[in-house]
Amino acid sequence: MPPSLPNRHPLHQSRLYAVQSRAKLAALFGLTRVTLHAVLAEERPFSLRATEITRNGKTKARVIQEPRGNLRPIHIVVRKMLTRIEPPEFLFCPVKQRSYVSNAALHVRAKEIRKLDIHAYFPSTPSYRVYWFFHTVMACSPDVAEVLAKLLTVDGHLATGSTVSPILSFFAFYDMWLAIAQIAKEAGCLLSVYMDDIAVSGDIVPDRVIWQIKQQVHSRDLIAHKERRYTGGIGEVTGALIKDGKLQVPNRQLKKTYKTRMALAATNDPAEIVRLSSVLRGLNQQRTQIEG
C-alpha cells in the first residue's frame, strides 16, 4: 500500500469537520454569507447535457449534470477537502497514488475472487445521505449539513458530472463501506473498492460473506448487480486479468490491439491514420501499466 501523502489527515482534522455556522462555511469557500445565500437561491445551478456511452457493444444514453457559475468552485473546494482525508486501505478510487492496476494487484494471489457492482451509483446516492455524512460523521450543525446537501446534489441525488461526486459517494455511505470492510476482515478475505466496483478475495470467499455484503448494500436502498465469481487463481478485476499470480491484459484487449494494427496498415486516410495511431498508443500504454 502506498505511504500516506503529506497533506492527508484524519477525518476529524478536516476543515469541514464540526462547522457550526453558515458564515464559517462561506469563509471556507472564500465567500461572504450573502454570496453563499445567492448561490443557494439560484434556480438552475447545474447544466444538463446528454451523451452516449458505448460499452461491450451496447450504447446507452446518459444525462450529465455539472455545477456551473459560482457553484462549480464550491464543488472543487469540497472535493479537495474530502480527498485530503486519509482513505481506508480498501478504497482505491478516487484516491491519489492508487489506480485500477493497484486495485487488481491486491488480488493476484487469491484462489477465489467475488465481484459486485452498485447500479447507478451517483443517481442512487440521495441528498439525505449527504446530509447524514456531514451531520453525523463530520459533526456539522444540522443547518450547515442541510446547506452542504443542497449545494452538492441536484434533483435529490449526486450530480453525475460533478468533481466532488466520486469521493462524496464514498463518504455518503461511509457506514456501509466500513461495515463491508469488517465483514471481509472477519472472513479472512481481502476487500477492494473502486468507485462502485466491489472485489472480495481469498483462499475461499464464502457465500455468506457475499450475502452479508449484499444485505449492507440493499439496506441503503442501493442495488448490487453484475455478480461474478472467479476460481482457480484466474479472474478479472477493474479491467486487468489475473492469471498465474500476475496481471495481464484481457484477451479482448489483445484482439482490439491486433485489429487496430491491421486497420492502420490497411488505410491511407490521413485522419484515420491519426485516429488509429492514437488508439494504438493508448492500448500499448495500458498494457505497459498492467504488465509493466
Protein backbone atom coordinates (compact mmCIF):
# COMPACT_ATOMS: atom_id res chain seq x y z
CA MET A 1 0.00 0.00 0.00
CA PRO A 2 1.40 3.46 -0.91
CA PRO A 3 2.51 5.63 2.02
CA SER A 4 0.28 8.41 3.28
CA LEU A 5 0.64 11.66 1.38
CA PRO A 6 1.98 14.61 3.43
CA ASN A 7 -1.24 16.65 3.21
CA ARG A 8 -3.54 13.83 4.32
CA HIS A 9 -5.06 13.87 7.78
CA PRO A 10 -7.64 12.05 9.92
CA LEU A 11 -11.29 12.81 9.31
CA HIS A 12 -11.68 14.86 12.49
CA GLN A 13 -8.89 17.22 11.36
CA SER A 14 -10.66 18.17 8.13
CA ARG A 15 -11.56 21.84 7.73
CA LEU A 16 -15.09 20.65 7.08
CA TYR A 17 -15.28 18.94 10.45
CA ALA A 18 -17.65 20.44 13.04
CA VAL A 19 -18.58 23.53 11.02
CA GLN A 20 -21.40 25.11 13.01
CA SER A 21 -22.44 28.22 11.07
CA ARG A 22 -23.16 29.37 7.53
CA ALA A 23 -20.70 32.22 8.00
CA LYS A 24 -17.84 29.80 8.70
CA LEU A 25 -18.90 27.58 5.81
CA ALA A 26 -18.97 30.56 3.45
CA ALA A 27 -15.48 31.54 4.61
CA LEU A 28 -14.18 28.05 3.74
CA PHE A 29 -15.40 28.67 0.20
CA GLY A 30 -13.90 32.17 0.09
CA LEU A 31 -17.39 33.68 0.03
CA THR A 32 -19.41 36.04 2.16
CA ARG A 33 -22.58 34.77 3.78
CA VAL A 34 -24.59 36.94 1.37
CA THR A 35 -22.87 35.38 -1.65
CA LEU A 36 -23.46 31.88 -0.27
CA HIS A 37 -27.16 32.66 0.10
CA ALA A 38 -27.19 33.89 -3.51
CA VAL A 39 -25.72 30.58 -4.70
CA LEU A 40 -28.35 28.67 -2.72
CA ALA A 41 -31.08 30.80 -4.31
CA GLU A 42 -30.02 30.14 -7.91
CA GLU A 43 -32.77 28.40 -9.85
CA ARG A 44 -30.58 26.40 -12.26
CA PRO A 45 -27.13 25.96 -10.73
CA PHE A 46 -26.46 22.80 -12.78
CA SER A 47 -26.10 22.44 -16.53
CA LEU A 48 -27.51 19.37 -18.26
CA ARG A 49 -26.21 17.64 -21.36
CA ALA A 50 -26.93 14.30 -22.97
CA THR A 51 -24.23 11.91 -24.07
CA GLU A 52 -23.93 8.32 -25.24
CA ILE A 53 -21.65 5.71 -23.69
CA THR A 54 -20.76 2.52 -25.55
CA ARG A 55 -19.59 -0.50 -23.55
CA ASN A 56 -19.31 -4.07 -24.78
CA GLY A 57 -21.05 -3.12 -27.99
CA LYS A 58 -24.05 -1.59 -26.20
CA THR A 59 -24.80 2.13 -26.38
CA LYS A 60 -26.68 3.86 -23.57
CA ALA A 61 -27.89 7.45 -23.27
CA ARG A 62 -26.73 9.29 -20.17
CA VAL A 63 -27.55 12.70 -18.75
CA ILE A 64 -24.55 14.60 -17.34
CA GLN A 65 -25.28 17.14 -14.60
CA GLU A 66 -22.47 19.64 -14.00
CA PRO A 67 -22.30 22.52 -11.49
CA ARG A 68 -21.87 25.91 -13.11
CA GLY A 69 -21.29 29.52 -12.17
CA ASN A 70 -20.48 30.16 -8.51
CA LEU A 71 -21.42 26.59 -7.59
CA ARG A 72 -18.59 24.98 -9.56
CA PRO A 73 -15.71 26.27 -7.38
CA ILE A 74 -17.63 25.20 -4.26
CA HIS A 75 -17.68 21.62 -5.55
CA ILE A 76 -13.96 21.84 -6.27
CA VAL A 77 -13.18 23.09 -2.75
CA VAL A 78 -15.23 20.35 -1.09
CA ARG A 79 -13.60 17.71 -3.30
CA LYS A 80 -10.13 18.91 -2.32
CA MET A 81 -11.02 18.88 1.38
CA LEU A 82 -12.58 15.41 1.27
CA THR A 83 -9.72 13.87 -0.72
CA ARG A 84 -7.27 15.09 1.93
CA ILE A 85 -8.95 12.85 4.50
CA GLU A 86 -6.85 9.71 4.99
CA PRO A 87 -8.63 7.00 2.97
CA PRO A 88 -9.07 3.44 4.23
CA GLU A 89 -6.72 0.85 2.74
CA PHE A 90 -9.54 -0.84 0.84
CA LEU A 91 -10.51 2.29 -1.14
CA PHE A 92 -8.70 2.56 -4.48
CA CYS A 93 -10.77 5.14 -6.35
CA PRO A 94 -10.84 8.09 -6.14
CA VAL A 95 -7.50 8.05 -4.28
CA LYS A 96 -4.22 9.56 -5.45
CA GLN A 97 -1.36 7.07 -5.91
CA ARG A 98 -3.86 4.22 -6.20
CA SER A 99 -5.25 3.03 -9.52
CA TYR A 100 -7.20 0.31 -11.30
CA VAL A 101 -3.89 -1.57 -11.59
CA SER A 102 -3.06 -1.47 -7.87
CA ASN A 103 -6.69 -2.36 -7.18
CA ALA A 104 -6.37 -5.53 -9.26
CA ALA A 105 -2.88 -6.28 -7.89
CA LEU A 106 -4.31 -6.66 -4.38
CA HIS A 107 -5.98 -9.89 -5.51
CA VAL A 108 -3.18 -11.56 -7.55
CA ARG A 109 -2.52 -14.33 -5.00
CA ALA A 110 -6.18 -15.15 -4.37
CA LYS A 111 -7.62 -18.54 -5.21
CA GLU A 112 -11.15 -17.15 -5.36
CA ILE A 113 -12.43 -13.69 -6.30
CA ARG A 114 -16.02 -12.47 -5.96
CA LYS A 115 -17.21 -9.21 -7.52
CA LEU A 116 -20.25 -6.95 -7.24
CA ASP A 117 -21.17 -3.61 -8.76
CA ILE A 118 -23.54 -0.98 -7.41
CA HIS A 119 -26.10 0.02 -10.00
CA ALA A 120 -26.38 3.72 -10.97
CA TYR A 121 -24.22 4.75 -8.01
CA PHE A 122 -24.35 8.56 -8.27
CA PRO A 123 -28.08 8.85 -9.12
CA SER A 124 -28.76 6.36 -6.30
CA THR A 125 -26.88 8.44 -3.71
CA PRO A 126 -29.62 10.67 -2.25
CA SER A 127 -29.17 14.08 -0.70
CA TYR A 128 -30.26 12.80 2.72
CA ARG A 129 -27.18 10.53 2.77
CA VAL A 130 -25.02 13.59 2.06
CA TYR A 131 -26.78 15.35 4.94
CA TRP A 132 -26.23 12.29 7.15
CA PHE A 133 -22.49 12.30 6.44
CA PHE A 134 -21.91 15.96 7.21
CA HIS A 135 -24.16 15.97 10.28
CA THR A 136 -23.44 12.54 11.81
CA VAL A 137 -19.89 11.76 10.72
CA MET A 138 -18.46 15.26 10.26
CA ALA A 139 -20.32 16.73 13.27
CA CYS A 140 -21.58 19.78 11.36
CA SER A 141 -24.66 21.58 12.62
CA PRO A 142 -27.99 20.49 11.09
CA ASP A 143 -28.21 23.80 9.21
CA VAL A 144 -24.71 23.51 7.74
CA ALA A 145 -25.29 19.86 6.79
CA GLU A 146 -28.52 20.86 5.06
CA VAL A 147 -26.76 23.63 3.13
CA LEU A 148 -23.99 21.27 2.01
CA ALA A 149 -26.51 18.65 0.93
CA LYS A 150 -28.32 21.26 -1.17
CA LEU A 151 -25.12 22.61 -2.72
CA LEU A 152 -23.67 19.21 -3.60
CA THR A 153 -26.70 17.45 -5.06
CA VAL A 154 -29.15 18.00 -7.90
CA ASP A 155 -32.74 16.76 -8.03
CA GLY A 156 -32.16 14.99 -4.72
CA HIS A 157 -29.05 12.99 -5.64
CA LEU A 158 -25.37 13.35 -6.52
CA ALA A 159 -24.63 15.01 -9.84
CA THR A 160 -23.22 12.67 -12.48
CA GLY A 161 -20.74 15.26 -13.76
CA SER A 162 -19.51 16.90 -10.57
CA THR A 163 -15.88 16.75 -9.47
CA VAL A 164 -16.96 16.05 -5.88
CA SER A 165 -19.34 13.16 -6.59
CA PRO A 166 -16.73 10.34 -6.74
CA ILE A 167 -15.33 10.92 -3.25
CA LEU A 168 -18.64 12.09 -1.79
CA SER A 169 -20.36 8.91 -2.97
CA PHE A 170 -17.96 7.00 -0.72
CA PHE A 171 -18.46 9.21 2.32
CA ALA A 172 -22.24 9.35 1.87
CA PHE A 173 -22.24 5.60 2.57
CA TYR A 174 -19.32 5.69 4.98
CA ASP A 175 -21.03 3.40 7.49
CA MET A 176 -21.85 0.86 4.79
CA TRP A 177 -18.29 0.68 3.50
CA LEU A 178 -16.85 0.27 6.98
CA ALA A 179 -19.37 -2.49 7.70
CA ILE A 180 -18.45 -4.27 4.46
CA ALA A 181 -14.76 -3.98 5.31
CA GLN A 182 -15.44 -5.58 8.71
CA ILE A 183 -17.37 -8.43 7.07
CA ALA A 184 -14.44 -9.17 4.76
CA LYS A 185 -11.91 -8.91 7.59
CA GLU A 186 -13.80 -11.30 9.85
CA ALA A 187 -13.91 -13.82 7.00
CA GLY A 188 -10.16 -13.51 6.42
CA CYS A 189 -10.74 -12.01 2.97
CA LEU A 190 -9.25 -9.06 1.11
CA LEU A 191 -11.54 -6.20 0.05
CA SER A 192 -11.04 -3.52 -2.56
CA VAL A 193 -13.48 -0.80 -3.60
CA TYR A 194 -13.01 1.01 -6.89
CA MET A 195 -15.84 3.55 -7.00
CA ASP A 196 -18.89 1.29 -7.41
CA ASP A 197 -16.90 -1.90 -8.03
CA ILE A 198 -16.50 -4.28 -5.06
CA ALA A 199 -13.98 -7.13 -5.12
CA VAL A 200 -13.53 -9.68 -2.32
CA SER A 201 -10.89 -12.40 -2.49
CA GLY A 202 -9.11 -15.10 -0.52
CA ASP A 203 -8.43 -18.82 -0.46
CA ILE A 204 -12.19 -19.09 -0.30
CA VAL A 205 -14.95 -16.46 -0.24
CA PRO A 206 -17.98 -18.00 1.50
CA ASP A 207 -21.44 -17.34 0.10
CA ARG A 208 -22.46 -15.91 3.47
CA VAL A 209 -19.88 -13.13 3.03
CA ILE A 210 -21.40 -12.05 -0.28
CA TRP A 211 -24.89 -12.35 1.20
CA GLN A 212 -23.91 -10.11 4.14
CA ILE A 213 -22.33 -7.56 1.79
CA LYS A 214 -25.44 -7.50 -0.38
CA GLN A 215 -27.56 -7.01 2.74
CA GLN A 216 -25.49 -3.94 3.61
CA VAL A 217 -25.93 -2.57 0.10
CA HIS A 218 -29.65 -3.29 -0.16
CA SER A 219 -30.39 -1.88 3.30
CA ARG A 220 -29.22 1.53 1.99
CA ASP A 221 -31.67 1.32 -0.94
CA LEU A 222 -28.84 0.55 -3.37
CA ILE A 223 -28.84 -2.27 -5.91
CA ALA A 224 -25.97 -4.76 -6.13
CA HIS A 225 -25.69 -6.39 -9.54
CA LYS A 226 -23.24 -7.91 -12.06
CA GLU A 227 -22.16 -10.54 -9.55
CA ARG A 228 -19.11 -12.53 -10.69
CA ARG A 229 -17.17 -15.44 -9.23
CA TYR A 230 -13.67 -16.49 -10.29
CA THR A 231 -11.82 -19.57 -9.04
CA GLY A 232 -8.53 -21.35 -9.69
CA GLY A 233 -6.41 -18.23 -9.33
CA ILE A 234 -7.84 -16.72 -12.52
CA GLY A 235 -10.08 -13.66 -12.60
CA GLU A 236 -10.61 -10.14 -13.84
CA VAL A 237 -10.66 -7.05 -11.63
CA THR A 238 -11.06 -3.48 -12.94
CA GLY A 239 -10.06 -4.44 -16.47
CA ALA A 240 -6.94 -6.43 -15.55
CA LEU A 241 -6.68 -10.20 -15.97
CA ILE A 242 -5.25 -12.12 -13.03
CA LYS A 243 -3.50 -15.35 -14.01
CA ASP A 244 -0.58 -17.33 -12.58
CA GLY A 245 -0.11 -14.74 -9.84
CA LYS A 246 0.43 -11.92 -12.33
CA LEU A 247 -1.54 -9.17 -14.05
CA GLN A 248 -2.18 -9.35 -17.78
CA VAL A 249 -4.34 -7.51 -20.26
CA PRO A 250 -7.53 -9.42 -21.15
CA ASN A 251 -7.70 -11.30 -24.45
CA ARG A 252 -10.31 -8.88 -25.78
CA GLN A 253 -7.75 -6.08 -25.50
CA LEU A 254 -5.13 -8.13 -27.34
CA LYS A 255 -7.68 -8.70 -30.10
CA LYS A 256 -8.50 -4.99 -30.22
CA THR A 257 -4.80 -4.17 -30.48
CA TYR A 258 -4.38 -6.64 -33.34
CA LYS A 259 -7.42 -5.32 -35.23
CA THR A 260 -6.24 -1.73 -34.75
CA ARG A 261 -2.80 -2.57 -36.16
CA MET A 262 -4.37 -4.31 -39.16
CA ALA A 263 -6.70 -1.37 -39.80
CA LEU A 264 -3.80 1.07 -39.51
CA ALA A 265 -1.76 -0.90 -42.03
CA ALA A 266 -4.69 -1.02 -44.45
CA THR A 267 -5.68 2.67 -44.52
CA ASN A 268 -4.29 5.61 -46.47
CA ASP A 269 -6.68 8.16 -44.97
CA PRO A 270 -4.55 10.73 -43.04
CA ALA A 271 -7.30 11.44 -40.49
CA GLU A 272 -7.89 7.73 -39.90
CA ILE A 273 -4.15 7.14 -39.52
CA VAL A 274 -4.02 9.79 -36.79
CA ARG A 275 -7.07 8.34 -35.02
CA LEU A 276 -5.92 4.73 -35.16
CA SER A 277 -2.39 5.66 -34.10
CA SER A 278 -3.83 7.38 -31.05
CA VAL A 279 -5.96 4.34 -30.21
CA LEU A 280 -2.95 2.04 -30.59
CA ARG A 281 -0.79 4.21 -28.35
CA GLY A 282 -3.48 4.14 -25.68
CA LEU A 283 -3.76 0.35 -25.86
CA ASN A 284 0.00 -0.09 -25.65
CA GLN A 285 0.24 2.32 -22.71
CA GLN A 286 -2.48 0.44 -20.89
CA ARG A 287 -0.66 -2.85 -21.45
CA THR A 288 2.53 -1.33 -20.06
CA GLN A 289 0.65 -0.08 -16.99
CA ILE A 290 -0.85 -3.50 -16.31
CA GLU A 291 2.02 -5.82 -17.22
CA GLY A 292 4.95 -3.48 -16.53
